[in-house]
Amino acid sequence: MAGLSFSNSQIGLAHAMGHALGAVFKLPHGLCVGLYLASVVEFNSIGGADRYSRLNKIFPDEYREKSYI
């Protein structure tokens, strides 16, 4: 299930880079993924604008990062 959600969410890059960063610098995995997440979402939004648009309709305005809409 986790693998399917990574594939469908287009966040696999942040997860993979988080593994590498954590392994090299001995940092917690969640922290490492979080460091990459905003940049990966911004990059993915270029080709997946329609998907992010659908997500933006679900989440209230106060939880959205305006630069990614």
PDB file of N, CA and C in Angstrom:
ATOM      1  N   MET A   1       0.819  -1.187   0.000  1.00  0.00           N
ATOM      2  CA  MET A   1       0.000   0.000   0.000  1.00  0.00           C
ATOM      3  C   MET A   1       0.870   1.260   0.000  1.00  0.00           C
ATOM      4  N   ALA A   2       1.922   1.249   0.811  1.00  0.00           N
ATOM      5  CA  ALA A   2       2.780   2.436   0.876  1.00  0.00           C
ATOM      6  C   ALA A   2       3.421   2.706  -0.479  1.00  0.00           C
ATOM      7  N   GLY A   3       3.882   1.655  -1.147  1.00  0.00           N
ATOM      8  CA  GLY A   3       4.490   1.826  -2.462  1.00  0.00           C
ATOM      9  C   GLY A   3       3.524   2.390  -3.475  1.00  0.00           C
ATOM     10  N   LEU A   4       2.281   1.937  -3.428  1.00  0.00           N
ATOM     11  CA  LEU A   4       1.262   2.467  -4.339  1.00  0.00           C
ATOM     12  C   LEU A   4       1.012   3.941  -4.070  1.00  0.00           C
ATOM     13  N   SER A   5       0.963   4.320  -2.806  1.00  0.00           N
ATOM     14  CA  SER A   5       0.703   5.724  -2.510  1.00  0.00           C
ATOM     15  C   SER A   5       1.870   6.613  -2.937  1.00  0.00           C
ATOM     16  N   PHE A   6       3.107   6.126  -2.795  1.00  0.00           N
ATOM     17  CA  PHE A   6       4.246   6.914  -3.275  1.00  0.00           C
ATOM     18  C   PHE A   6       4.179   7.085  -4.780  1.00  0.00           C
ATOM     19  N   SER A   7       3.850   6.016  -5.488  1.00  0.00           N
ATOM     20  CA  SER A   7       3.783   6.082  -6.951  1.00  0.00           C
ATOM     21  C   SER A   7       2.688   7.022  -7.412  1.00  0.00           C
ATOM     22  N   ASN A   8       1.532   6.967  -6.765  1.00  0.00           N
ATOM     23  CA  ASN A   8       0.399   7.784  -7.179  1.00  0.00           C
ATOM     24  C   ASN A   8       0.525   9.238  -6.754  1.00  0.00           C
ATOM     25  N   SER A   9       1.322   9.523  -5.747  1.00  0.00           N
ATOM     26  CA  SER A   9       1.413  10.893  -5.252  1.00  0.00           C
ATOM     27  C   SER A   9       2.549  11.691  -5.887  1.00  0.00           C
ATOM     28  N   GLN A  10       3.380  11.043  -6.654  1.00  0.00           N
ATOM     29  CA  GLN A  10       4.532  11.680  -7.301  1.00  0.00           C
ATOM     30  C   GLN A  10       5.531  12.247  -6.294  1.00  0.00           C
ATOM     31  N   ILE A  11       5.567  11.674  -5.096  1.00  0.00           N
ATOM     32  CA  ILE A  11       6.489  12.141  -4.072  1.00  0.00           C
ATOM     33  C   ILE A  11       7.636  11.146  -3.915  1.00  0.00           C
ATOM     34  N   GLY A  12       7.741  10.169  -4.789  1.00  0.00           N
ATOM     35  CA  GLY A  12       8.790   9.168  -4.704  1.00  0.00           C
ATOM     36  C   GLY A  12      10.184   9.764  -4.722  1.00  0.00           C
ATOM     37  N   LEU A  13      10.360  10.864  -5.429  1.00  0.00           N
ATOM     38  CA  LEU A  13      11.669  11.508  -5.501  1.00  0.00           C
ATOM     39  C   LEU A  13      12.102  12.027  -4.137  1.00  0.00           C
ATOM     40  N   ALA A  14      11.205  12.675  -3.416  1.00  0.00           N
ATOM     41  CA  ALA A  14      11.547  13.183  -2.082  1.00  0.00           C
ATOM     42  C   ALA A  14      11.900  12.028  -1.154  1.00  0.00           C
ATOM     43  N   HIS A  15      11.181  10.943  -1.266  1.00  0.00           N
ATOM     44  CA  HIS A  15      11.433   9.769  -0.432  1.00  0.00           C
ATOM     45  C   HIS A  15      12.802   9.161  -0.755  1.00  0.00           C
ATOM     46  N   ALA A  16      13.089   8.997  -2.018  1.00  0.00           N
ATOM     47  CA  ALA A  16      14.379   8.418  -2.427  1.00  0.00           C
ATOM     48  C   ALA A  16      15.548   9.307  -2.017  1.00  0.00           C
ATOM     49  N   MET A  17      15.405  10.610  -2.232  1.00  0.00           N
ATOM     50  CA  MET A  17      16.482  11.526  -1.847  1.00  0.00           C
ATOM     51  C   MET A  17      16.627  11.584  -0.329  1.00  0.00           C
ATOM     52  N   GLY A  18      15.506  11.445   0.386  1.00  0.00           N
ATOM     53  CA  GLY A  18      15.541  11.414   1.841  1.00  0.00           C
ATOM     54  C   GLY A  18      16.330  10.229   2.365  1.00  0.00           C
ATOM     55  N   HIS A  19      16.162   9.072   1.707  1.00  0.00           N
ATOM     56  CA  HIS A  19      16.937   7.891   2.091  1.00  0.00           C
ATOM     57  C   HIS A  19      18.432   8.150   1.935  1.00  0.00           C
ATOM     58  N   ALA A  20      18.802   8.706   0.814  1.00  0.00           N
ATOM     59  CA  ALA A  20      20.218   8.957   0.543  1.00  0.00           C
ATOM     60  C   ALA A  20      20.809   9.968   1.526  1.00  0.00           C
ATOM     61  N   LEU A  21      20.115  11.054   1.757  1.00  0.00           N
ATOM     62  CA  LEU A  21      20.608  12.085   2.672  1.00  0.00           C
ATOM     63  C   LEU A  21      20.739  11.532   4.091  1.00  0.00           C
ATOM     64  N   GLY A  22      19.731  10.796   4.527  1.00  0.00           N
ATOM     65  CA  GLY A  22      19.755  10.222   5.867  1.00  0.00           C
ATOM     66  C   GLY A  22      20.880   9.221   6.051  1.00  0.00           C
ATOM     67  N   ALA A  23      21.146   8.453   5.020  1.00  0.00           N
ATOM     68  CA  ALA A  23      22.212   7.457   5.108  1.00  0.00           C
ATOM     69  C   ALA A  23      23.587   8.116   5.209  1.00  0.00           C
ATOM     70  N   VAL A  24      23.791   9.167   4.460  1.00  0.00           N
ATOM     71  CA  VAL A  24      25.091   9.837   4.457  1.00  0.00           C
ATOM     72  C   VAL A  24      25.323  10.621   5.750  1.00  0.00           C
ATOM     73  N   PHE A  25      24.296  11.343   6.203  1.00  0.00           N
ATOM     74  CA  PHE A  25      24.473  12.232   7.354  1.00  0.00           C
ATOM     75  C   PHE A  25      23.856  11.705   8.644  1.00  0.00           C
ATOM     76  N   LYS A  26      23.332  10.464   8.614  1.00  0.00           N
ATOM     77  CA  LYS A  26      22.744   9.833   9.806  1.00  0.00           C
ATOM     78  C   LYS A  26      21.648  10.702  10.428  1.00  0.00           C
ATOM     79  N   LEU A  27      20.724  11.151   9.582  1.00  0.00           N
ATOM     80  CA  LEU A  27      19.602  11.980  10.012  1.00  0.00           C
ATOM     81  C   LEU A  27      18.304  11.170   9.950  1.00  0.00           C
ATOM     82  N   PRO A  28      17.284  11.555  10.718  1.00  0.00           N
ATOM     83  CA  PRO A  28      16.001  10.853  10.670  1.00  0.00           C
ATOM     84  C   PRO A  28      15.364  10.943   9.279  1.00  0.00           C
ATOM     85  N   HIS A  29      14.760   9.846   8.861  1.00  0.00           N
ATOM     86  CA  HIS A  29      14.186   9.769   7.511  1.00  0.00           C
ATOM     87  C   HIS A  29      13.104  10.830   7.285  1.00  0.00           C
ATOM     88  N   GLY A  30      12.217  10.996   8.236  1.00  0.00           N
ATOM     89  CA  GLY A  30      11.139  11.980   8.077  1.00  0.00           C
ATOM     90  C   GLY A  30      11.659  13.389   7.889  1.00  0.00           C
ATOM     91  N   LEU A  31      12.678  13.742   8.633  1.00  0.00           N
ATOM     92  CA  LEU A  31      13.296  15.057   8.492  1.00  0.00           C
ATOM     93  C   LEU A  31      13.877  15.231   7.094  1.00  0.00           C
ATOM     94  N   CYS A  32      14.578  14.222   6.620  1.00  0.00           N
ATOM     95  CA  CYS A  32      15.211  14.297   5.295  1.00  0.00           C
ATOM     96  C   CYS A  32      14.182  14.422   4.186  1.00  0.00           C
ATOM     97  N   VAL A  33      13.111  13.658   4.270  1.00  0.00           N
ATOM     98  CA  VAL A  33      12.052  13.748   3.262  1.00  0.00           C
ATOM     99  C   VAL A  33      11.419  15.141   3.307  1.00  0.00           C
ATOM    100  N   GLY A  34      11.186  15.639   4.518  1.00  0.00           N
ATOM    101  CA  GLY A  34      10.601  16.963   4.667  1.00  0.00           C
ATOM    102  C   GLY A  34      11.448  18.066   4.063  1.00  0.00           C
ATOM    103  N   LEU A  35      12.757  17.908   4.126  1.00  0.00           N
ATOM    104  CA  LEU A  35      13.643  18.911   3.541  1.00  0.00           C
ATOM    105  C   LEU A  35      13.488  18.991   2.023  1.00  0.00           C
ATOM    106  N   TYR A  36      13.212  17.878   1.400  1.00  0.00           N
ATOM    107  CA  TYR A  36      13.089  17.836  -0.064  1.00  0.00           C
ATOM    108  C   TYR A  36      11.653  18.038  -0.563  1.00  0.00           C
ATOM    109  N   LEU A  37      10.687  17.842   0.294  1.00  0.00           N
ATOM    110  CA  LEU A  37       9.298  17.758  -0.154  1.00  0.00           C
ATOM    111  C   LEU A  37       8.803  18.996  -0.904  1.00  0.00           C
ATOM    112  N   ALA A  38       9.043  20.171  -0.379  1.00  0.00           N
ATOM    113  CA  ALA A  38       8.549  21.391  -1.035  1.00  0.00           C
ATOM    114  C   ALA A  38       9.132  21.556  -2.435  1.00  0.00           C
ATOM    115  N   SER A  39      10.414  21.292  -2.577  1.00  0.00           N
ATOM    116  CA  SER A  39      11.046  21.425  -3.896  1.00  0.00           C
ATOM    117  C   SER A  39      10.512  20.390  -4.879  1.00  0.00           C
ATOM    118  N   VAL A  40      10.289  19.176  -4.397  1.00  0.00           N
ATOM    119  CA  VAL A  40       9.768  18.121  -5.275  1.00  0.00           C
ATOM    120  C   VAL A  40       8.333  18.431  -5.696  1.00  0.00           C
ATOM    121  N   VAL A  41       7.517  18.911  -4.765  1.00  0.00           N
ATOM    122  CA  VAL A  41       6.139  19.278  -5.111  1.00  0.00           C
ATOM    123  C   VAL A  41       6.141  20.404  -6.136  1.00  0.00           C
ATOM    124  N   GLU A  42       6.994  21.384  -5.950  1.00  0.00           N
ATOM    125  CA  GLU A  42       7.070  22.492  -6.910  1.00  0.00           C
ATOM    126  C   GLU A  42       7.480  21.982  -8.297  1.00  0.00           C
ATOM    127  N   PHE A  43       8.484  21.113  -8.340  1.00  0.00           N
ATOM    128  CA  PHE A  43       8.935  20.542  -9.611  1.00  0.00           C
ATOM    129  C   PHE A  43       7.832  19.705 -10.257  1.00  0.00           C
ATOM    130  N   ASN A  44       7.180  18.856  -9.475  1.00  0.00           N
ATOM    131  CA  ASN A  44       6.122  17.996 -10.013  1.00  0.00           C
ATOM    132  C   ASN A  44       4.902  18.789 -10.463  1.00  0.00           C
ATOM    133  N   SER A  45       4.673  19.946  -9.856  1.00  0.00           N
ATOM    134  CA  SER A  45       3.486  20.722 -10.218  1.00  0.00           C
ATOM    135  C   SER A  45       3.565  21.263 -11.641  1.00  0.00           C
ATOM    136  N   ILE A  46       4.761  21.321 -12.199  1.00  0.00           N
ATOM    137  CA  ILE A  46       4.909  21.790 -13.584  1.00  0.00           C
ATOM    138  C   ILE A  46       4.208  20.823 -14.536  1.00  0.00           C
ATOM    139  N   GLY A  47       4.464  19.551 -14.381  1.00  0.00           N
ATOM    140  CA  GLY A  47       3.856  18.554 -15.266  1.00  0.00           C
ATOM    141  C   GLY A  47       2.557  17.987 -14.751  1.00  0.00           C
ATOM    142  N   GLY A  48       2.253  18.198 -13.487  1.00  0.00           N
ATOM    143  CA  GLY A  48       1.045  17.626 -12.908  1.00  0.00           C
ATOM    144  C   GLY A  48       0.110  18.674 -12.347  1.00  0.00           C
ATOM    145  N   ALA A  49       0.036  19.806 -13.006  1.00  0.00           N
ATOM    146  CA  ALA A  49      -0.772  20.919 -12.511  1.00  0.00           C
ATOM    147  C   ALA A  49      -2.234  20.516 -12.317  1.00  0.00           C
ATOM    148  N   ASP A  50      -2.761  19.681 -13.196  1.00  0.00           N
ATOM    149  CA  ASP A  50      -4.162  19.260 -13.067  1.00  0.00           C
ATOM    150  C   ASP A  50      -4.378  18.450 -11.797  1.00  0.00           C
ATOM    151  N   ARG A  51      -3.420  17.604 -11.438  1.00  0.00           N
ATOM    152  CA  ARG A  51      -3.539  16.803 -10.215  1.00  0.00           C
ATOM    153  C   ARG A  51      -3.460  17.684  -8.974  1.00  0.00           C
ATOM    154  N   TYR A  52      -2.545  18.617  -8.961  1.00  0.00           N
ATOM    155  CA  TYR A  52      -2.432  19.507  -7.807  1.00  0.00           C
ATOM    156  C   TYR A  52      -3.650  20.420  -7.715  1.00  0.00           C
ATOM    157  N   SER A  53      -4.211  20.792  -8.824  1.00  0.00           N
ATOM    158  CA  SER A  53      -5.421  21.611  -8.815  1.00  0.00           C
ATOM    159  C   SER A  53      -6.570  20.868  -8.138  1.00  0.00           C
ATOM    160  N   ARG A  54      -6.696  19.583  -8.429  1.00  0.00           N
ATOM    161  CA  ARG A  54      -7.747  18.778  -7.780  1.00  0.00           C
ATOM    162  C   ARG A  54      -7.503  18.688  -6.283  1.00  0.00           C
ATOM    163  N   LEU A  55      -6.255  18.525  -5.867  1.00  0.00           N
ATOM    164  CA  LEU A  55      -5.947  18.475  -4.437  1.00  0.00           C
ATOM    165  C   LEU A  55      -6.235  19.808  -3.756  1.00  0.00           C
ATOM    166  N   ASN A  56      -5.928  20.898  -4.446  1.00  0.00           N
ATOM    167  CA  ASN A  56      -6.168  22.216  -3.870  1.00  0.00           C
ATOM    168  C   ASN A  56      -7.633  22.474  -3.589  1.00  0.00           C
ATOM    169  N   LYS A  57      -8.520  21.828  -4.315  1.00  0.00           N
ATOM    170  CA  LYS A  57      -9.952  21.991  -4.074  1.00  0.00           C
ATOM    171  C   LYS A  57     -10.388  21.260  -2.812  1.00  0.00           C
ATOM    172  N   ILE A  58      -9.608  20.285  -2.378  1.00  0.00           N
ATOM    173  CA  ILE A  58      -9.944  19.495  -1.198  1.00  0.00           C
ATOM    174  C   ILE A  58      -9.501  20.188   0.086  1.00  0.00           C
ATOM    175  N   PHE A  59      -8.290  20.777   0.071  1.00  0.00           N
ATOM    176  CA  PHE A  59      -7.731  21.356   1.285  1.00  0.00           C
ATOM    177  C   PHE A  59      -8.151  22.814   1.453  1.00  0.00           C
ATOM    178  N   PRO A  60      -8.445  23.224   2.682  1.00  0.00           N
ATOM    179  CA  PRO A  60      -8.792  24.624   2.938  1.00  0.00           C
ATOM    180  C   PRO A  60      -7.623  25.549   2.614  1.00  0.00           C
ATOM    181  N   ASP A  61      -7.936  26.798   2.328  1.00  0.00           N
ATOM    182  CA  ASP A  61      -6.921  27.785   1.935  1.00  0.00           C
ATOM    183  C   ASP A  61      -5.777  27.909   2.922  1.00  0.00           C
ATOM    184  N   GLU A  62      -6.049  27.844   4.211  1.00  0.00           N
ATOM    185  CA  GLU A  62      -4.987  28.070   5.203  1.00  0.00           C
ATOM    186  C   GLU A  62      -3.929  26.985   5.210  1.00  0.00           C
ATOM    187  N   TYR A  63      -4.195  25.847   4.568  1.00  0.00           N
ATOM    188  CA  TYR A  63      -3.211  24.753   4.506  1.00  0.00           C
ATOM    189  C   TYR A  63      -2.447  24.711   3.183  1.00  0.00           C
ATOM    190  N   ARG A  64      -2.725  25.615   2.294  1.00  0.00           N
ATOM    191  CA  ARG A  64      -2.072  25.618   0.996  1.00  0.00           C
ATOM    192  C   ARG A  64      -0.905  26.580   0.950  1.00  0.00           C
ATOM    193  N   GLU A  65       0.121  26.182   0.217  1.00  0.00           N
ATOM    194  CA  GLU A  65       1.247  27.068  -0.043  1.00  0.00           C
ATOM    195  C   GLU A  65       0.911  27.788  -1.342  1.00  0.00           C
ATOM    196  N   LYS A  66       0.723  29.069  -1.262  1.00  0.00           N
ATOM    197  CA  LYS A  66       0.231  29.856  -2.401  1.00  0.00           C
ATOM    198  C   LYS A  66       1.119  29.785  -3.634  1.00  0.00           C
ATOM    199  N   SER A  67       2.426  29.630  -3.461  1.00  0.00           N
ATOM    200  CA  SER A  67       3.319  29.632  -4.621  1.00  0.00           C
ATOM    201  C   SER A  67       3.199  28.362  -5.455  1.00  0.00           C
ATOM    202  N   TYR A  68       2.540  27.301  -4.936  1.00  0.00           N
ATOM    203  CA  TYR A  68       2.418  26.049  -5.672  1.00  0.00           C
ATOM    204  C   TYR A  68       1.065  25.897  -6.348  1.00  0.00           C
ATOM    205  N   ILE A  69       0.214  26.889  -6.215  1.00  0.00           N
ATOM    206  CA  ILE A  69      -1.149  26.771  -6.779  1.00  0.00           C
ATOM    207  C   ILE A  69      -1.158  27.256  -8.211  1.00  0.00           C
TER     208      ILE A  69
END
